[in-house]
PDB file of N, CA and C in Angstrom:
ATOM      1  N   MET A   1      -6.683  29.295  -2.744  1.00  0.00           N
ATOM      2  CA  MET A   1      -7.270  28.002  -2.444  1.00  0.00           C
ATOM      3  C   MET A   1      -6.299  26.889  -2.751  1.00  0.00           C
ATOM      4  N   LEU A   2      -5.512  27.001  -3.766  1.00  0.00           N
ATOM      5  CA  LEU A   2      -4.555  25.942  -4.135  1.00  0.00           C
ATOM      6  C   LEU A   2      -3.519  25.946  -3.021  1.00  0.00           C
ATOM      7  N   GLY A   3      -3.050  26.985  -2.529  1.00  0.00           N
ATOM      8  CA  GLY A   3      -2.109  26.915  -1.435  1.00  0.00           C
ATOM      9  C   GLY A   3      -2.574  26.180  -0.158  1.00  0.00           C
ATOM     10  N   LEU A   4      -3.896  26.407   0.164  1.00  0.00           N
ATOM     11  CA  LEU A   4      -4.474  25.696   1.289  1.00  0.00           C
ATOM     12  C   LEU A   4      -4.407  24.222   1.069  1.00  0.00           C
ATOM     13  N   ASP A   5      -4.833  23.830  -0.117  1.00  0.00           N
ATOM     14  CA  ASP A   5      -4.878  22.371  -0.503  1.00  0.00           C
ATOM     15  C   ASP A   5      -3.417  21.765  -0.401  1.00  0.00           C
ATOM     16  N   THR A   6      -2.451  22.488  -0.831  1.00  0.00           N
ATOM     17  CA  THR A   6      -1.064  21.944  -0.814  1.00  0.00           C
ATOM     18  C   THR A   6      -0.616  21.894   0.618  1.00  0.00           C
ATOM     19  N   GLU A   7      -0.966  22.841   1.469  1.00  0.00           N
ATOM     20  CA  GLU A   7      -0.579  22.824   2.902  1.00  0.00           C
ATOM     21  C   GLU A   7      -1.200  21.719   3.554  1.00  0.00           C
ATOM     22  N   LEU A   8      -2.512  21.467   3.290  1.00  0.00           N
ATOM     23  CA  LEU A   8      -3.242  20.293   3.955  1.00  0.00           C
ATOM     24  C   LEU A   8      -2.580  18.991   3.617  1.00  0.00           C
ATOM     25  N   LYS A   9      -2.194  18.751   2.399  1.00  0.00           N
ATOM     26  CA  LYS A   9      -1.631  17.551   1.997  1.00  0.00           C
ATOM     27  C   LYS A   9      -0.174  17.282   2.616  1.00  0.00           C
ATOM     28  N   GLN A  10       0.384  18.421   3.145  1.00  0.00           N
ATOM     29  CA  GLN A  10       1.711  18.273   3.766  1.00  0.00           C
ATOM     30  C   GLN A  10       1.634  17.897   5.330  1.00  0.00           C
ATOM     31  N   THR A  11       0.382  17.953   5.796  1.00  0.00           N
ATOM     32  CA  THR A  11       0.262  17.731   7.235  1.00  0.00           C
ATOM     33  C   THR A  11       0.456  16.203   7.526  1.00  0.00           C
ATOM     34  N   ARG A  12       0.862  15.903   8.767  1.00  0.00           N
ATOM     35  CA  ARG A  12       1.033  14.574   9.135  1.00  0.00           C
ATOM     36  C   ARG A  12      -0.341  13.820   9.249  1.00  0.00           C
ATOM     37  N   PHE A  13      -1.357  14.588   9.669  1.00  0.00           N
ATOM     38  CA  PHE A  13      -2.739  14.041   9.702  1.00  0.00           C
ATOM     39  C   PHE A  13      -3.180  13.548   8.365  1.00  0.00           C
ATOM     40  N   TYR A  14      -3.016  14.334   7.358  1.00  0.00           N
ATOM     41  CA  TYR A  14      -3.402  14.043   6.003  1.00  0.00           C
ATOM     42  C   TYR A  14      -2.640  12.777   5.580  1.00  0.00           C
ATOM     43  N   GLN A  15      -1.365  12.772   5.782  1.00  0.00           N
ATOM     44  CA  GLN A  15      -0.490  11.628   5.328  1.00  0.00           C
ATOM     45  C   GLN A  15      -0.927  10.371   5.958  1.00  0.00           C
ATOM     46  N   GLU A  16      -1.250  10.408   7.297  1.00  0.00           N
ATOM     47  CA  GLU A  16      -1.663   9.208   8.041  1.00  0.00           C
ATOM     48  C   GLU A  16      -2.965   8.699   7.518  1.00  0.00           C
ATOM     49  N   ILE A  17      -3.948   9.568   7.230  1.00  0.00           N
ATOM     50  CA  ILE A  17      -5.248   9.095   6.682  1.00  0.00           C
ATOM     51  C   ILE A  17      -5.046   8.474   5.276  1.00  0.00           C
ATOM     52  N   ALA A  18      -4.185   9.163   4.409  1.00  0.00           N
ATOM     53  CA  ALA A  18      -3.957   8.705   3.089  1.00  0.00           C
ATOM     54  C   ALA A  18      -3.250   7.317   3.097  1.00  0.00           C
ATOM     55  N   GLU A  19      -2.337   7.131   3.998  1.00  0.00           N
ATOM     56  CA  GLU A  19      -1.643   5.854   4.206  1.00  0.00           C
ATOM     57  C   GLU A  19      -2.671   4.786   4.610  1.00  0.00           C
ATOM     58  N   GLU A  20      -3.514   5.115   5.582  1.00  0.00           N
ATOM     59  CA  GLU A  20      -4.455   3.994   6.064  1.00  0.00           C
ATOM     60  C   GLU A  20      -5.386   3.649   4.938  1.00  0.00           C
ATOM     61  N   GLU A  21      -5.919   4.627   4.219  1.00  0.00           N
ATOM     62  CA  GLU A  21      -6.848   4.365   3.148  1.00  0.00           C
ATOM     63  C   GLU A  21      -6.180   3.551   1.988  1.00  0.00           C
ATOM     64  N   SER A  22      -4.852   3.852   1.763  1.00  0.00           N
ATOM     65  CA  SER A  22      -4.171   3.118   0.747  1.00  0.00           C
ATOM     66  C   SER A  22      -3.966   1.692   1.188  1.00  0.00           C
ATOM     67  N   ILE A  23      -3.713   1.442   2.354  1.00  0.00           N
ATOM     68  CA  ILE A  23      -3.468   0.115   2.905  1.00  0.00           C
ATOM     69  C   ILE A  23      -4.800  -0.650   2.800  1.00  0.00           C
ATOM     70  N   VAL A  24      -5.924  -0.040   3.099  1.00  0.00           N
ATOM     71  CA  VAL A  24      -7.220  -0.732   3.029  1.00  0.00           C
ATOM     72  C   VAL A  24      -7.456  -1.112   1.600  1.00  0.00           C
ATOM     73  N   LEU A  25      -7.203  -0.206   0.616  1.00  0.00           N
ATOM     74  CA  LEU A  25      -7.433  -0.519  -0.791  1.00  0.00           C
ATOM     75  C   LEU A  25      -6.493  -1.548  -1.267  1.00  0.00           C
ATOM     76  N   LEU A  26      -5.199  -1.431  -0.974  1.00  0.00           N
ATOM     77  CA  LEU A  26      -4.222  -2.417  -1.421  1.00  0.00           C
ATOM     78  C   LEU A  26      -4.516  -3.814  -0.868  1.00  0.00           C
ATOM     79  N   THR A  27      -4.969  -3.840   0.291  1.00  0.00           N
ATOM     80  CA  THR A  27      -5.345  -5.175   0.939  1.00  0.00           C
ATOM     81  C   THR A  27      -6.498  -5.795   0.207  1.00  0.00           C
ATOM     82  N   ARG A  28      -7.536  -5.104  -0.113  1.00  0.00           N
ATOM     83  CA  ARG A  28      -8.639  -5.618  -0.931  1.00  0.00           C
ATOM     84  C   ARG A  28      -8.238  -6.071  -2.278  1.00  0.00           C
ATOM     85  N   GLN A  29      -7.374  -5.218  -3.006  1.00  0.00           N
ATOM     86  CA  GLN A  29      -6.951  -5.631  -4.310  1.00  0.00           C
ATOM     87  C   GLN A  29      -6.070  -6.831  -4.297  1.00  0.00           C
ATOM     88  N   LEU A  30      -5.126  -6.959  -3.359  1.00  0.00           N
ATOM     89  CA  LEU A  30      -4.301  -8.143  -3.252  1.00  0.00           C
ATOM     90  C   LEU A  30      -4.978  -9.414  -2.878  1.00  0.00           C
ATOM     91  N   ARG A  31      -5.931  -9.238  -1.967  1.00  0.00           N
ATOM     92  CA  ARG A  31      -6.757 -10.519  -1.638  1.00  0.00           C
ATOM     93  C   ARG A  31      -7.620 -10.991  -2.893  1.00  0.00           C
ATOM     94  N   ARG A  32      -8.091 -10.078  -3.621  1.00  0.00           N
ATOM     95  CA  ARG A  32      -8.879 -10.373  -4.800  1.00  0.00           C
ATOM     96  C   ARG A  32      -7.961 -10.976  -5.891  1.00  0.00           C
ATOM     97  N   LYS A  33      -6.733 -10.407  -6.002  1.00  0.00           N
ATOM     98  CA  LYS A  33      -5.893 -10.853  -7.098  1.00  0.00           C
ATOM     99  C   LYS A  33      -5.162 -12.200  -6.766  1.00  0.00           C
ATOM    100  N   ILE A  34      -4.776 -12.311  -5.572  1.00  0.00           N
ATOM    101  CA  ILE A  34      -3.981 -13.451  -5.132  1.00  0.00           C
ATOM    102  C   ILE A  34      -4.801 -14.520  -4.402  1.00  0.00           C
ATOM    103  N   GLY A  35      -5.781 -14.071  -3.769  1.00  0.00           N
ATOM    104  CA  GLY A  35      -6.673 -15.043  -2.997  1.00  0.00           C
ATOM    105  C   GLY A  35      -6.265 -14.923  -1.500  1.00  0.00           C
ATOM    106  N   ILE A  36      -7.112 -15.249  -0.646  1.00  0.00           N
ATOM    107  CA  ILE A  36      -6.900 -15.168   0.755  1.00  0.00           C
ATOM    108  C   ILE A  36      -6.121 -16.409   1.145  1.00  0.00           C
ATOM    109  N   GLN A  37      -4.940 -16.224   1.659  1.00  0.00           N
ATOM    110  CA  GLN A  37      -4.035 -17.241   2.076  1.00  0.00           C
ATOM    111  C   GLN A  37      -3.145 -16.823   3.165  1.00  0.00           C
ATOM    112  N   PRO A  38      -2.670 -17.711   4.054  1.00  0.00           N
ATOM    113  CA  PRO A  38      -1.862 -17.292   5.196  1.00  0.00           C
ATOM    114  C   PRO A  38      -0.572 -16.456   4.857  1.00  0.00           C
ATOM    115  N   GLU A  39       0.091 -16.855   3.750  1.00  0.00           N
ATOM    116  CA  GLU A  39       1.256 -16.137   3.300  1.00  0.00           C
ATOM    117  C   GLU A  39       0.872 -14.655   2.879  1.00  0.00           C
ATOM    118  N   LEU A  40      -0.216 -14.423   2.332  1.00  0.00           N
ATOM    119  CA  LEU A  40      -0.574 -13.090   2.036  1.00  0.00           C
ATOM    120  C   LEU A  40      -0.863 -12.268   3.222  1.00  0.00           C
ATOM    121  N   GLU A  41      -1.614 -12.907   4.176  1.00  0.00           N
ATOM    122  CA  GLU A  41      -1.938 -12.178   5.386  1.00  0.00           C
ATOM    123  C   GLU A  41      -0.680 -11.709   6.203  1.00  0.00           C
ATOM    124  N   ILE A  42       0.273 -12.567   6.174  1.00  0.00           N
ATOM    125  CA  ILE A  42       1.643 -12.223   6.824  1.00  0.00           C
ATOM    126  C   ILE A  42       2.248 -11.051   6.006  1.00  0.00           C
ATOM    127  N   ALA A  43       2.326 -11.147   4.730  1.00  0.00           N
ATOM    128  CA  ALA A  43       2.900 -10.052   3.984  1.00  0.00           C
ATOM    129  C   ALA A  43       2.138  -8.735   4.150  1.00  0.00           C
ATOM    130  N   LEU A  44       0.874  -8.812   4.276  1.00  0.00           N
ATOM    131  CA  LEU A  44      -0.042  -7.626   4.494  1.00  0.00           C
ATOM    132  C   LEU A  44       0.334  -6.836   5.802  1.00  0.00           C
ATOM    133  N   LYS A  45       0.838  -7.607   6.754  1.00  0.00           N
ATOM    134  CA  LYS A  45       1.247  -6.964   8.044  1.00  0.00           C
ATOM    135  C   LYS A  45       2.384  -6.093   7.966  1.00  0.00           C
ATOM    136  N   ARG A  46       3.117  -6.158   6.848  1.00  0.00           N
ATOM    137  CA  ARG A  46       4.275  -5.315   6.576  1.00  0.00           C
ATOM    138  C   ARG A  46       3.931  -3.949   6.027  1.00  0.00           C
ATOM    139  N   LEU A  47       2.650  -3.812   5.576  1.00  0.00           N
ATOM    140  CA  LEU A  47       2.159  -2.466   4.940  1.00  0.00           C
ATOM    141  C   LEU A  47       2.113  -1.320   5.910  1.00  0.00           C
ATOM    142  N   PRO A  48       1.452  -1.455   7.139  1.00  0.00           N
ATOM    143  CA  PRO A  48       1.422  -0.366   8.040  1.00  0.00           C
ATOM    144  C   PRO A  48       2.835   0.168   8.309  1.00  0.00           C
ATOM    145  N   GLY A  49       2.906   1.582   8.337  1.00  0.00           N
ATOM    146  CA  GLY A  49       4.214   2.072   8.627  1.00  0.00           C
ATOM    147  C   GLY A  49       4.916   2.443   7.370  1.00  0.00           C
ATOM    148  N   MET A  50       4.512   1.951   6.180  1.00  0.00           N
ATOM    149  CA  MET A  50       5.151   2.281   4.888  1.00  0.00           C
ATOM    150  C   MET A  50       4.771   3.731   4.521  1.00  0.00           C
ATOM    151  N   GLU A  51       5.552   4.481   3.952  1.00  0.00           N
ATOM    152  CA  GLU A  51       5.291   5.768   3.499  1.00  0.00           C
ATOM    153  C   GLU A  51       4.298   5.822   2.374  1.00  0.00           C
ATOM    154  N   LEU A  52       3.632   6.810   2.184  1.00  0.00           N
ATOM    155  CA  LEU A  52       2.604   6.853   1.212  1.00  0.00           C
ATOM    156  C   LEU A  52       3.218   6.667  -0.258  1.00  0.00           C
ATOM    157  N   THR A  53       4.329   7.194  -0.448  1.00  0.00           N
ATOM    158  CA  THR A  53       4.961   7.066  -1.816  1.00  0.00           C
ATOM    159  C   THR A  53       5.234   5.544  -2.102  1.00  0.00           C
ATOM    160  N   MET A  54       5.660   4.825  -1.106  1.00  0.00           N
ATOM    161  CA  MET A  54       5.895   3.328  -1.268  1.00  0.00           C
ATOM    162  C   MET A  54       4.579   2.615  -1.520  1.00  0.00           C
ATOM    163  N   LEU A  55       3.574   2.948  -0.812  1.00  0.00           N
ATOM    164  CA  LEU A  55       2.232   2.408  -1.086  1.00  0.00           C
ATOM    165  C   LEU A  55       1.747   2.672  -2.438  1.00  0.00           C
ATOM    166  N   GLU A  56       1.973   3.924  -2.922  1.00  0.00           N
ATOM    167  CA  GLU A  56       1.599   4.253  -4.302  1.00  0.00           C
ATOM    168  C   GLU A  56       2.400   3.452  -5.271  1.00  0.00           C
ATOM    169  N   ASN A  57       3.699   3.180  -5.031  1.00  0.00           N
ATOM    170  CA  ASN A  57       4.516   2.335  -5.948  1.00  0.00           C
ATOM    171  C   ASN A  57       4.006   0.922  -5.892  1.00  0.00           C
ATOM    172  N   LEU A  58       3.602   0.401  -4.774  1.00  0.00           N
ATOM    173  CA  LEU A  58       3.048  -0.929  -4.625  1.00  0.00           C
ATOM    174  C   LEU A  58       1.721  -1.035  -5.464  1.00  0.00           C
ATOM    175  N   ALA A  59       0.962  -0.031  -5.418  1.00  0.00           N
ATOM    176  CA  ALA A  59      -0.381  -0.004  -6.201  1.00  0.00           C
ATOM    177  C   ALA A  59      -0.034  -0.219  -7.638  1.00  0.00           C
ATOM    178  N   GLU A  60       0.993   0.306  -8.207  1.00  0.00           N
ATOM    179  CA  GLU A  60       1.359   0.047  -9.586  1.00  0.00           C
ATOM    180  C   GLU A  60       1.916  -1.278  -9.831  1.00  0.00           C
ATOM    181  N   GLU A  61       2.742  -1.736  -8.910  1.00  0.00           N
ATOM    182  CA  GLU A  61       3.438  -3.021  -9.076  1.00  0.00           C
ATOM    183  C   GLU A  61       2.575  -4.242  -8.995  1.00  0.00           C
ATOM    184  N   ILE A  62       1.444  -4.097  -8.180  1.00  0.00           N
ATOM    185  CA  ILE A  62       0.671  -5.313  -8.008  1.00  0.00           C
ATOM    186  C   ILE A  62      -0.083  -5.652  -9.366  1.00  0.00           C
ATOM    187  N   LEU A  63      -0.129  -4.812 -10.319  1.00  0.00           N
ATOM    188  CA  LEU A  63      -0.657  -5.175 -11.562  1.00  0.00           C
ATOM    189  C   LEU A  63       0.146  -6.245 -12.287  1.00  0.00           C
ATOM    190  N   ASP A  64       1.361  -6.388 -11.974  1.00  0.00           N
ATOM    191  CA  ASP A  64       2.266  -7.421 -12.581  1.00  0.00           C
ATOM    192  C   ASP A  64       2.423  -8.671 -11.719  1.00  0.00           C
ATOM    193  N   PHE A  65       1.929  -8.670 -10.398  1.00  0.00           N
ATOM    194  CA  PHE A  65       2.093  -9.802  -9.542  1.00  0.00           C
ATOM    195  C   PHE A  65       1.262 -10.953 -10.039  1.00  0.00           C
ATOM    196  N   LYS A  66       1.837 -12.106  -9.926  1.00  0.00           N
ATOM    197  CA  LYS A  66       1.093 -13.378 -10.268  1.00  0.00           C
ATOM    198  C   LYS A  66       0.751 -14.160  -9.013  1.00  0.00           C
ATOM    199  N   ASN A  67       1.565 -13.990  -7.944  1.00  0.00           N
ATOM    200  CA  ASN A  67       1.356 -14.801  -6.706  1.00  0.00           C
ATOM    201  C   ASN A  67       1.934 -13.998  -5.470  1.00  0.00           C
ATOM    202  N   VAL A  68       1.804 -14.547  -4.281  1.00  0.00           N
ATOM    203  CA  VAL A  68       2.200 -13.963  -3.060  1.00  0.00           C
ATOM    204  C   VAL A  68       3.758 -13.798  -3.060  1.00  0.00           C
ATOM    205  N   THR A  69       4.447 -14.671  -3.756  1.00  0.00           N
ATOM    206  CA  THR A  69       5.851 -14.582  -3.814  1.00  0.00           C
ATOM    207  C   THR A  69       6.350 -13.310  -4.456  1.00  0.00           C
ATOM    208  N   ASP A  70       5.643 -12.953  -5.454  1.00  0.00           N
ATOM    209  CA  ASP A  70       5.948 -11.635  -6.110  1.00  0.00           C
ATOM    210  C   ASP A  70       5.864 -10.450  -5.104  1.00  0.00           C
ATOM    211  N   LEU A  71       4.841 -10.485  -4.301  1.00  0.00           N
ATOM    212  CA  LEU A  71       4.617  -9.420  -3.269  1.00  0.00           C
ATOM    213  C   LEU A  71       5.707  -9.491  -2.222  1.00  0.00           C
ATOM    214  N   GLN A  72       6.040 -10.711  -1.801  1.00  0.00           N
ATOM    215  CA  GLN A  72       7.087 -10.779  -0.822  1.00  0.00           C
ATOM    216  C   GLN A  72       8.407 -10.387  -1.330  1.00  0.00           C
ATOM    217  N   ASN A  73       8.740 -10.651  -2.504  1.00  0.00           N
ATOM    218  CA  ASN A  73      10.004 -10.270  -3.160  1.00  0.00           C
ATOM    219  C   ASN A  73       9.988  -8.748  -3.273  1.00  0.00           C
ATOM    220  N   TRP A  74       8.888  -8.143  -3.669  1.00  0.00           N
ATOM    221  CA  TRP A  74       8.877  -6.664  -3.749  1.00  0.00           C
ATOM    222  C   TRP A  74       9.077  -6.050  -2.389  1.00  0.00           C
ATOM    223  N   LEU A  75       8.377  -6.496  -1.380  1.00  0.00           N
ATOM    224  CA  LEU A  75       8.508  -6.040  -0.016  1.00  0.00           C
ATOM    225  C   LEU A  75       9.998  -6.144   0.486  1.00  0.00           C
ATOM    226  N   ASP A  76      10.556  -7.306   0.168  1.00  0.00           N
ATOM    227  CA  ASP A  76      11.984  -7.559   0.630  1.00  0.00           C
ATOM    228  C   ASP A  76      12.973  -6.580  -0.110  1.00  0.00           C
ATOM    229  N   SER A  77      12.653  -6.161  -1.236  1.00  0.00           N
ATOM    230  CA  SER A  77      13.545  -5.234  -1.969  1.00  0.00           C
ATOM    231  C   SER A  77      13.419  -3.783  -1.532  1.00  0.00           C
ATOM    232  N   GLN A  78      12.442  -3.532  -0.789  1.00  0.00           N
ATOM    233  CA  GLN A  78      12.254  -2.110  -0.425  1.00  0.00           C
ATOM    234  C   GLN A  78      12.995  -1.659   0.858  1.00  0.00           C
TER     235      GLN A  78
END
């Protein structure tokens, strides 16, 4: 059973779903933390297409963000 689970997580389909769900969650968290503002909405458009590992890293980093500039700087450094 463990082998099947590992194989499933390696599929492109699984990765795409995980990426989409991560983006939805990160968007909600960032809007709540930073507030809805035009600069944030522009930055959020950069999330689609990011690999799952990068989205996971962002999920940890947003705990330290104080404003949208922190997010923009993080995105620019990736």
